[in-house]
């Protein structure tokens, strides 16, 4: 049985914005590719939100754990 991937680390730019993601299988995804995979259900634990400014953002699914948010994922280079 194939287990869904999840995000385990992020890469940020000099402004602190997430620009790419590392999955539980070691794949590195651009932000756009990560959006597509979250929307298709290939990545678990996250969802896509459409903001009023027209941008789409990846958010962690609420689970009651305040430390289980994207800013707390480790970074990679």
Protein backbone atom coordinates (compact mmCIF):
# COMPACT_ATOMS: atom_id res chain seq x y z
CA UNK A 1 0.00 0.00 0.00
CA UNK A 2 1.41 3.42 -0.97
CA UNK A 3 1.41 5.96 1.81
CA UNK A 4 0.74 9.59 0.94
CA UNK A 5 3.63 11.97 1.14
CA UNK A 6 3.71 14.93 3.47
CA UNK A 7 5.94 17.96 3.76
CA UNK A 8 8.86 17.63 6.15
CA UNK A 9 10.97 20.75 5.43
CA UNK A 10 10.85 24.06 3.57
CA UNK A 11 13.27 26.36 1.82
CA UNK A 12 12.79 30.09 2.37
CA UNK A 13 13.97 33.16 0.52
CA UNK A 14 15.74 36.07 2.20
CA UNK A 15 12.35 37.59 3.13
CA UNK A 16 11.27 34.42 4.94
CA UNK A 17 8.75 33.32 2.30
CA UNK A 18 8.56 29.60 1.54
CA UNK A 19 9.82 28.98 -2.00
CA UNK A 20 10.13 25.17 -2.10
CA UNK A 21 9.20 22.10 -0.14
CA UNK A 22 10.84 18.78 0.74
CA UNK A 23 8.53 15.76 0.96
CA UNK A 24 8.71 12.72 3.20
CA UNK A 25 10.24 10.78 0.30
CA UNK A 26 12.96 13.37 -0.27
CA UNK A 27 11.52 15.04 -3.33
CA UNK A 28 11.99 18.81 -3.59
CA UNK A 29 9.02 20.66 -5.09
CA UNK A 30 8.72 24.23 -6.27
CA UNK A 31 5.93 26.21 -4.66
CA UNK A 32 3.78 25.88 -7.81
CA UNK A 33 4.32 22.10 -8.04
CA UNK A 34 3.56 21.77 -4.32
CA UNK A 35 0.28 23.66 -4.82
CA UNK A 36 -0.72 21.28 -7.60
CA UNK A 37 0.13 18.19 -5.56
CA UNK A 38 -1.73 19.40 -2.47
CA UNK A 39 -4.79 20.22 -4.60
CA UNK A 40 -4.72 16.78 -6.22
CA UNK A 41 -4.51 15.02 -2.85
CA UNK A 42 -1.02 13.62 -3.41
CA UNK A 43 0.28 15.39 -0.27
CA UNK A 44 -1.49 14.79 3.03
CA UNK A 45 -1.83 17.13 5.99
CA UNK A 46 -2.15 20.31 3.94
CA UNK A 47 -4.74 22.22 1.91
CA UNK A 48 -4.80 25.17 -0.49
CA UNK A 49 -6.54 28.43 0.35
CA UNK A 50 -7.54 31.11 -2.12
CA UNK A 51 -6.98 34.53 -0.60
CA UNK A 52 -8.85 37.73 -1.48
CA UNK A 53 -5.77 39.02 -3.30
CA UNK A 54 -6.20 36.15 -5.80
CA UNK A 55 -3.13 34.25 -4.58
CA UNK A 56 -3.19 30.62 -3.52
CA UNK A 57 -1.39 29.52 -0.39
CA UNK A 58 -0.62 26.18 1.21
CA UNK A 59 -1.78 25.79 4.81
CA UNK A 60 -1.42 22.91 7.23
CA UNK A 61 -4.65 21.17 8.17
CA UNK A 62 -5.87 22.23 11.62
CA UNK A 63 -5.16 19.55 14.20
CA UNK A 64 -5.05 21.47 17.47
CA UNK A 65 -1.24 21.41 17.65
CA UNK A 66 0.03 25.01 17.65
CA UNK A 67 3.51 23.83 16.64
CA UNK A 68 2.25 21.94 13.60
CA UNK A 69 2.27 24.95 11.30
CA UNK A 70 4.43 25.66 8.28
CA UNK A 71 6.71 28.18 9.98
CA UNK A 72 7.87 25.45 12.38
CA UNK A 73 8.97 23.01 9.66
CA UNK A 74 12.76 22.70 9.50
CA UNK A 75 14.56 24.44 6.66
CA UNK A 76 16.84 22.87 4.05
CA UNK A 77 19.32 24.28 1.55
